Amino acid sequence: MDPEEDSFVQLSTPVEEENSLLEMTPEQIQQEIQRCKELCSVLEQDCVELQIAKETVDQRTRELWKEGECLHKYLEQQISLSGVHLASRQESICSAKEENSRLRQEKQMLEKRLEEVKRRGLAEDLATLLPSLPERKMVFKGQVMDKEDVSTLTLVPKICYPLPGGSALITFEKPEVAQRIMELKEHVVELSHGEEPDRCRMRVQAEPVELLLPSSLEISLSQSSRQILVSGLPSLGIPEEMLLDKLELFFSKSKNGGGEVESLDFLENASQVVMSFVQHGVAEQLIARGRIQFPLKKAKYEIKISPYMRGDITGLQLRPSRCARTVLLSGIPDVLDEELMKDALEIHFQKGSRGGGEVDVLSYVPEGRQAMAVFEEDRG
């Protein structure tokens, strides 16, 4: 058989190539040269990749060959040693099982002792901490919880939610109404109920309110060496600044067990004062006394001195949460007075024909202003 018939590529003779080149224009010849260069570059790249692949395969073959030899030697050694050490291995397995059983029993005993120590330590900590806490008036309302829940800390979060201008928050009495409003997404609100209502309409967008709530919280407590907590202060209608001045004058005198006062401030939402001294040791002396007679308006009142405990958050985990009854309305133009706009929104979203229902609360922020909405736990 003719070798040219078996070839995968039909090569043209020099005469044919010369004739074809003569028939081609200079631009076509230039394109042909560029094509040949590109083909040559691709072939060279393929040759390099094939060479690298060949070297990789050769290296891997040598590694597998060495691993096979090592494995063969290891199996021979194990076979020769298995007959000699079989009895000793069985003895080792039995002794290991016995040791494991003994360690399990010891672990159970240690866990029991650890639980006892924890309970004893918790009781001692409570016994030490409770006398130093500020007095608060407490009353039992009849609620009883399981014994296992007495050491838990109940969080009542207050989430601040920024509310931009041209938006509103609307809270419905029923969650299903809020769900319907969010599913509709866009709402056309009529601002005029006169003869030509079509000219007084606006489109607003309804979106869910997504919040991040704390799911777990770790707090590290430490006692301040220069601060005290003053509680049990009388409520005589005295301005806070005047009362702070009276406290500073009293506790600055060494005859009252005090020293130079660095600062003092009221705790937020509490009738308690945190007082800081310049020198160390003053706070310890006052805490040891516990209670002090404090003169005010020609009378004396017994106030309590407690350690000031500082808490630092060491671990906080958050979880996303969607408000069930609250909807965010955005895209509200500044075309009406604030009160008129609130009335128009409330009228629209109370209509059952528009998917609405009874409105519990509505807050509106006009364009050009900002507000902060505070979300609390829904106890309804």
Protein backbone atom coordinates (compact mmCIF):
# COMPACT_ATOMS: atom_id res chain seq x y z
CA MET A 1 0.00 0.00 0.00
CA ASP A 2 1.26 3.51 -0.83
CA PRO A 3 2.61 5.22 2.35
CA GLU A 4 0.96 8.49 1.37
CA GLU A 5 -2.48 6.82 1.51
CA ASP A 6 -1.94 5.79 5.17
CA SER A 7 -0.87 9.25 6.28
CA PHE A 8 -3.29 11.22 8.48
CA VAL A 9 -2.07 14.50 6.97
CA GLN A 10 -1.93 15.05 3.23
CA LEU A 11 1.20 17.07 2.49
CA SER A 12 1.34 19.15 -0.63
CA THR A 13 4.34 18.98 -2.92
CA PRO A 14 6.75 21.92 -3.21
CA VAL A 15 5.38 22.70 -6.66
CA GLU A 16 1.80 22.85 -5.33
CA GLU A 17 2.83 25.07 -2.44
CA GLU A 18 4.66 27.41 -4.81
CA ASN A 19 1.63 27.64 -7.12
CA SER A 20 -0.69 28.30 -4.18
CA LEU A 21 1.57 31.01 -2.84
CA LEU A 22 1.71 32.66 -6.28
CA GLU A 23 -2.06 32.76 -6.37
CA MET A 24 -2.36 34.38 -2.92
CA THR A 25 -2.33 38.09 -2.27
CA PRO A 26 0.29 39.59 0.08
CA GLU A 27 -2.34 39.95 2.83
CA GLN A 28 -3.30 36.30 2.54
CA ILE A 29 0.37 35.29 2.58
CA GLN A 30 0.85 37.35 5.75
CA GLN A 31 -2.19 35.68 7.36
CA GLU A 32 -0.88 32.26 6.37
CA ILE A 33 2.49 33.05 7.94
CA GLN A 34 0.78 34.23 11.15
CA ARG A 35 -1.33 31.08 11.24
CA CYS A 36 1.75 28.91 10.84
CA LYS A 37 3.47 30.80 13.66
CA GLU A 38 0.52 30.30 15.97
CA LEU A 39 0.33 26.62 15.07
CA CYS A 40 4.04 26.27 15.72
CA SER A 41 3.68 28.00 19.12
CA VAL A 42 0.82 25.68 20.10
CA LEU A 43 2.82 22.63 19.07
CA GLU A 44 5.83 23.81 21.09
CA GLN A 45 3.61 24.35 24.15
CA ASP A 46 2.12 20.88 23.75
CA CYS A 47 5.62 19.42 23.55
CA VAL A 48 6.61 21.16 26.80
CA GLU A 49 3.46 19.97 28.60
CA LEU A 50 3.93 16.43 27.34
CA GLN A 51 7.54 16.47 28.55
CA ILE A 52 6.49 17.72 32.00
CA ALA A 53 3.73 15.09 32.19
CA LYS A 54 6.21 12.37 31.18
CA GLU A 55 8.67 13.46 33.89
CA THR A 56 5.87 13.54 36.48
CA VAL A 57 4.71 10.05 35.53
CA ASP A 58 8.29 8.74 35.66
CA GLN A 59 8.87 10.27 39.08
CA ARG A 60 5.59 8.88 40.44
CA THR A 61 6.48 5.45 39.03
CA ARG A 62 9.80 5.49 40.86
CA GLU A 63 8.08 6.56 44.11
CA LEU A 64 5.48 3.79 43.84
CA TRP A 65 8.22 1.29 43.15
CA LYS A 66 10.10 2.35 46.30
CA GLU A 67 6.87 2.28 48.36
CA GLY A 68 6.15 -1.21 47.07
CA GLU A 69 9.59 -2.40 48.11
CA CYS A 70 9.23 -0.86 51.59
CA LEU A 71 5.77 -2.37 52.01
CA HIS A 72 7.03 -5.76 50.96
CA LYS A 73 9.84 -5.62 53.53
CA TYR A 74 7.44 -4.44 56.24
CA LEU A 75 5.01 -7.30 55.57
CA GLU A 76 7.80 -9.81 55.73
CA GLN A 77 8.91 -8.42 59.10
CA GLN A 78 5.37 -8.45 60.47
CA ILE A 79 4.80 -12.04 59.35
CA SER A 80 8.03 -13.12 61.03
CA LEU A 81 7.18 -11.30 64.26
CA SER A 82 3.50 -12.24 64.45
CA GLY A 83 4.17 -15.77 65.52
CA VAL A 84 6.64 -14.73 68.20
CA HIS A 85 4.72 -11.84 69.79
CA LEU A 86 1.12 -13.10 69.47
CA ALA A 87 0.94 -14.26 73.06
CA SER A 88 2.45 -11.06 74.44
CA ARG A 89 0.04 -8.96 72.39
CA GLN A 90 -2.95 -10.80 73.80
CA GLU A 91 -1.66 -10.16 77.30
CA SER A 92 -1.16 -6.47 76.46
CA ILE A 93 -4.72 -6.21 75.13
CA CYS A 94 -6.13 -7.75 78.31
CA SER A 95 -4.10 -5.44 80.54
CA ALA A 96 -5.12 -2.42 78.43
CA LYS A 97 -8.81 -3.34 78.81
CA GLU A 98 -8.40 -3.63 82.58
CA GLU A 99 -6.59 -0.28 82.71
CA ASN A 100 -9.30 1.33 80.59
CA SER A 101 -12.02 0.04 82.91
CA ARG A 102 -10.14 1.33 85.95
CA LEU A 103 -9.66 4.75 84.38
CA ARG A 104 -13.37 5.02 83.52
CA GLN A 105 -14.33 4.34 87.12
CA GLU A 106 -11.79 6.90 88.33
CA LYS A 107 -13.12 9.45 85.82
CA GLN A 108 -16.69 8.98 87.08
CA MET A 109 -15.54 9.48 90.68
CA LEU A 110 -13.64 12.66 89.74
CA GLU A 111 -16.65 14.05 87.85
CA LYS A 112 -18.85 13.51 90.92
CA ARG A 113 -16.31 15.25 93.15
CA LEU A 114 -16.03 18.13 90.64
CA GLU A 115 -19.81 18.65 90.69
CA GLU A 116 -19.78 18.71 94.48
CA VAL A 117 -16.94 21.26 94.50
CA LYS A 118 -18.79 23.44 91.95
CA ARG A 119 -22.00 23.38 94.01
CA ARG A 120 -20.09 24.17 97.19
CA GLY A 121 -18.13 26.97 95.47
CA LEU A 122 -21.32 28.49 94.03
CA ALA A 123 -22.95 28.50 97.44
CA GLU A 124 -19.88 30.17 98.99
CA ASP A 125 -19.73 32.79 96.21
CA LEU A 126 -23.40 33.61 96.66
CA ALA A 127 -22.96 33.85 100.41
CA THR A 128 -20.08 36.30 99.89
CA LEU A 129 -21.68 38.33 97.11
CA LEU A 130 -25.24 38.72 98.37
CA PRO A 131 -24.43 40.92 101.41
CA SER A 132 -22.51 43.34 99.18
CA LEU A 133 -25.32 43.84 96.67
CA PRO A 134 -27.40 47.05 96.82
CA GLU A 135 -30.78 46.73 98.41
CA ARG A 136 -33.77 46.61 96.07
CA LYS A 137 -37.44 46.27 96.98
CA MET A 138 -38.63 42.87 95.72
CA VAL A 139 -42.06 41.22 95.77
CA PHE A 140 -43.11 37.65 94.87
CA LYS A 141 -45.74 37.53 92.08
CA GLY A 142 -46.43 33.78 92.20
CA GLN A 143 -44.18 32.68 89.31
CA VAL A 144 -42.26 29.45 89.98
CA MET A 145 -39.49 27.98 87.79
CA ASP A 146 -37.67 24.66 87.72
CA LYS A 147 -34.71 24.15 90.03
CA GLU A 148 -32.36 23.68 87.08
CA ASP A 149 -33.10 27.23 85.84
CA VAL A 150 -32.15 29.16 89.00
CA SER A 151 -28.61 29.91 87.78
CA THR A 152 -29.63 31.28 84.38
CA LEU A 153 -29.44 34.95 83.44
CA THR A 154 -32.49 36.35 81.68
CA LEU A 155 -31.71 38.99 79.08
CA VAL A 156 -34.24 41.64 78.12
CA PRO A 157 -32.64 43.23 75.05
CA LYS A 158 -33.39 46.72 73.82
CA ILE A 159 -32.34 46.96 70.17
CA CYS A 160 -31.72 50.40 68.63
CA TYR A 161 -32.74 50.45 64.97
CA PRO A 162 -31.71 53.44 62.81
CA LEU A 163 -34.63 54.90 60.90
CA PRO A 164 -33.68 57.09 57.90
CA GLY A 165 -35.72 59.95 56.54
CA GLY A 166 -38.63 59.15 54.25
CA SER A 167 -39.54 55.97 56.12
CA ALA A 168 -41.96 54.73 58.75
CA LEU A 169 -42.37 51.80 61.12
CA ILE A 170 -45.87 50.41 61.49
CA THR A 171 -46.80 47.76 64.06
CA PHE A 172 -50.03 45.82 63.64
CA GLU A 173 -51.98 44.10 66.37
CA LYS A 174 -51.91 40.77 64.49
CA PRO A 175 -48.82 39.17 62.88
CA GLU A 176 -50.80 37.83 59.91
CA VAL A 177 -51.66 41.40 58.86
CA ALA A 178 -47.99 42.37 58.84
CA GLN A 179 -47.23 39.26 56.79
CA ARG A 180 -49.85 40.23 54.16
CA ILE A 181 -48.49 43.76 53.91
CA MET A 182 -44.94 42.48 53.35
CA GLU A 183 -46.07 39.97 50.72
CA LEU A 184 -47.71 42.77 48.70
CA LYS A 185 -44.39 44.73 48.86
CA GLU A 186 -45.58 47.85 46.99
CA HIS A 187 -48.56 49.91 48.15
CA VAL A 188 -50.31 52.89 46.58
CA VAL A 189 -51.42 55.29 49.33
CA GLU A 190 -54.01 57.97 48.60
CA LEU A 191 -53.13 61.33 50.09
CA SER A 192 -56.25 63.16 48.96
CA HIS A 193 -59.88 62.11 49.19
CA GLY A 194 -61.28 64.98 47.19
CA GLU A 195 -62.60 65.20 43.65
CA GLU A 196 -59.33 64.21 41.92
CA PRO A 197 -57.64 61.55 44.08
CA ASP A 198 -55.57 60.25 41.16
CA ARG A 199 -53.33 63.29 41.38
CA CYS A 200 -52.54 62.73 45.08
CA ARG A 201 -51.11 59.27 45.40
CA MET A 202 -47.75 57.90 46.41
CA ARG A 203 -46.06 54.51 46.18
CA VAL A 204 -44.30 53.08 49.24
CA GLN A 205 -42.34 49.86 49.72
CA ALA A 206 -43.08 47.43 52.57
CA GLU A 207 -40.12 45.46 53.92
CA PRO A 208 -39.55 43.18 56.93
CA VAL A 209 -37.59 44.46 59.91
CA GLU A 210 -34.52 42.28 60.53
CA LEU A 211 -32.80 42.53 63.92
CA LEU A 212 -29.78 40.85 65.54
CA LEU A 213 -30.63 39.51 69.00
CA PRO A 214 -28.17 38.08 71.55
CA SER A 215 -28.44 34.30 71.86
CA SER A 216 -25.67 33.78 74.43
CA LEU A 217 -23.64 36.14 76.59
CA GLU A 218 -20.53 35.63 78.74
CA ILE A 219 -19.62 38.27 81.32
CA SER A 220 -16.47 38.46 83.43
CA LEU A 221 -16.98 40.21 86.80
CA SER A 222 -14.22 42.02 88.69
CA GLN A 223 -14.32 44.19 91.83
CA SER A 224 -12.90 47.69 91.58
CA SER A 225 -10.29 48.58 94.22
CA ARG A 226 -10.99 52.34 94.20
CA GLN A 227 -14.76 52.48 93.63
CA ILE A 228 -17.84 51.92 95.78
CA LEU A 229 -21.57 51.69 95.09
CA VAL A 230 -23.76 53.93 97.25
CA SER A 231 -27.41 52.86 97.51
CA GLY A 232 -30.39 53.56 99.75
CA LEU A 233 -30.25 57.30 99.08
CA PRO A 234 -33.30 59.25 100.30
CA SER A 235 -35.69 60.65 97.71
CA LEU A 236 -36.42 64.15 99.02
CA GLY A 237 -36.91 65.89 95.70
CA ILE A 238 -33.35 67.22 95.75
CA PRO A 239 -31.72 67.84 92.34
CA GLU A 240 -29.17 65.23 91.40
CA GLU A 241 -26.31 67.73 91.13
CA MET A 242 -26.96 69.01 94.66
CA LEU A 243 -27.12 65.48 96.05
CA LEU A 244 -23.85 64.57 94.34
CA ASP A 245 -22.19 67.65 95.86
CA LYS A 246 -23.42 66.66 99.36
CA LEU A 247 -22.05 63.12 98.88
CA GLU A 248 -18.68 64.39 97.68
CA LEU A 249 -18.34 66.75 100.67
CA PHE A 250 -19.26 63.98 103.12
CA PHE A 251 -17.00 61.27 101.72
CA SER A 252 -14.06 63.64 101.22
CA LYS A 253 -13.60 63.93 104.99
CA SER A 254 -11.25 61.46 106.65
CA LYS A 255 -13.31 61.51 109.88
CA ASN A 256 -16.13 59.88 107.87
CA GLY A 257 -13.75 57.18 106.63
CA GLY A 258 -13.40 58.79 103.22
CA GLY A 259 -10.70 60.46 101.14
CA GLU A 260 -10.23 62.58 98.04
CA VAL A 261 -13.05 61.86 95.62
CA GLU A 262 -12.07 61.52 91.99
CA SER A 263 -15.54 61.22 90.43
CA LEU A 264 -19.11 60.20 91.21
CA ASP A 265 -22.06 59.52 88.89
CA PHE A 266 -25.59 58.22 89.10
CA LEU A 267 -26.20 54.82 87.54
CA GLU A 268 -28.61 54.94 84.63
CA ASN A 269 -32.24 54.23 85.61
CA ALA A 270 -31.26 53.67 89.27
CA SER A 271 -31.03 55.69 92.48
CA GLN A 272 -27.46 54.50 93.07
CA VAL A 273 -24.17 56.36 92.81
CA VAL A 274 -20.77 55.06 91.73
CA MET A 275 -18.01 56.88 93.63
CA SER A 276 -14.30 56.73 92.74
CA PHE A 277 -11.48 57.68 95.14
CA VAL A 278 -7.95 58.81 94.28
CA GLN A 279 -6.17 56.69 96.90
CA HIS A 280 -6.31 52.92 97.19
CA GLY A 281 -7.66 51.46 100.44
CA VAL A 282 -10.38 54.06 101.05
CA ALA A 283 -13.00 51.99 99.26
CA GLU A 284 -12.10 48.86 101.27
CA GLN A 285 -12.55 50.66 104.58
CA LEU A 286 -15.96 52.01 103.60
CA ILE A 287 -17.12 48.62 102.26
CA ALA A 288 -16.10 47.01 105.57
CA ARG A 289 -18.37 49.42 107.44
CA GLY A 290 -21.31 48.46 105.19
CA ARG A 291 -23.71 51.20 106.35
CA ILE A 292 -23.15 54.87 107.16
CA GLN A 293 -25.33 57.62 108.63
CA PHE A 294 -25.52 60.34 105.97
CA PRO A 295 -26.67 63.83 107.11
CA LEU A 296 -29.05 65.65 104.80
CA LYS A 297 -31.43 68.53 105.53
CA LYS A 298 -30.97 68.45 109.31
CA ALA A 299 -31.66 64.70 109.40
CA LYS A 300 -29.60 61.53 109.09
CA TYR A 301 -30.31 58.70 106.68
CA GLU A 302 -28.71 55.28 106.65
CA ILE A 303 -27.11 54.53 103.27
CA LYS A 304 -25.46 51.32 102.16
CA ILE A 305 -21.88 50.99 100.85
CA SER A 306 -21.25 48.04 98.53
CA PRO A 307 -18.39 46.91 96.29
CA TYR A 308 -18.63 48.14 92.72
CA MET A 309 -18.53 45.16 90.37
CA ARG A 310 -17.34 45.82 86.84
CA GLY A 311 -18.58 43.47 84.13
CA ASP A 312 -16.80 42.93 80.82
CA ILE A 313 -18.40 41.03 77.96
CA THR A 314 -16.04 38.19 77.02
CA GLY A 315 -18.35 36.33 74.63
CA LEU A 316 -21.40 37.35 72.63
CA GLN A 317 -23.31 35.38 70.02
CA LEU A 318 -26.06 36.93 67.90
CA ARG A 319 -28.93 35.41 65.96
CA PRO A 320 -31.02 37.05 63.23
CA SER A 321 -34.66 37.67 64.06
CA ARG A 322 -37.57 39.11 62.08
CA CYS A 323 -40.22 41.26 63.76
CA ALA A 324 -43.53 39.46 63.49
CA ARG A 325 -45.86 42.48 63.80
CA THR A 326 -43.71 45.39 62.55
CA VAL A 327 -43.20 46.49 58.92
CA LEU A 328 -40.75 49.05 57.50
CA LEU A 329 -42.22 51.48 54.95
CA SER A 330 -39.71 53.27 52.72
CA GLY A 331 -39.80 55.70 49.80
CA ILE A 332 -42.20 58.15 51.47
CA PRO A 333 -41.95 61.59 49.79
CA ASP A 334 -42.04 64.80 51.81
CA VAL A 335 -45.34 66.11 50.46
CA LEU A 336 -47.45 66.44 53.61
CA ASP A 337 -47.11 67.69 57.13
CA GLU A 338 -45.81 65.05 59.56
CA GLU A 339 -49.12 64.52 61.36
CA LEU A 340 -51.12 64.49 58.11
CA MET A 341 -48.74 61.91 56.61
CA LYS A 342 -49.08 59.70 59.69
CA ASP A 343 -52.86 59.91 59.46
CA ALA A 344 -52.82 59.05 55.74
CA LEU A 345 -50.59 56.01 56.30
CA GLU A 346 -52.63 54.76 59.24
CA ILE A 347 -55.93 55.17 57.35
CA HIS A 348 -54.57 53.25 54.36
CA PHE A 349 -53.07 50.34 56.29
CA GLN A 350 -56.12 49.91 58.51
CA LYS A 351 -58.30 49.07 55.54
CA GLY A 352 -58.99 45.38 55.18
CA SER A 353 -59.56 45.84 51.44
CA ARG A 354 -55.89 46.87 51.13
CA GLY A 355 -54.69 43.85 53.12
CA GLY A 356 -54.35 45.87 56.32
CA GLY A 357 -55.75 45.64 59.82
CA GLU A 358 -55.73 47.28 63.23
CA VAL A 359 -52.60 49.43 63.70
CA ASP A 360 -50.97 49.36 67.12
CA VAL A 361 -48.14 51.90 66.65
CA LEU A 362 -46.94 54.03 63.71
CA SER A 363 -43.78 56.16 63.66
CA TYR A 364 -42.90 58.35 60.67
CA VAL A 365 -39.60 60.17 59.93
CA PRO A 366 -39.79 62.86 57.21
CA GLU A 367 -37.05 63.23 54.62
CA GLY A 368 -34.00 65.16 55.79
CA ARG A 369 -34.28 63.81 59.33
CA GLN A 370 -33.14 60.68 61.15
CA ALA A 371 -34.42 58.80 64.17
CA MET A 372 -33.60 55.78 66.33
CA ALA A 373 -36.30 53.19 66.98
CA VAL A 374 -36.01 51.09 70.15
CA PHE A 375 -37.29 47.51 69.94
CA GLU A 376 -38.15 45.55 73.07
CA GLU A 377 -39.37 42.03 73.66
CA ASP A 378 -42.97 41.48 72.54
CA ARG A 379 -44.77 40.23 75.64
CA GLY A 380 -48.21 40.51 74.07
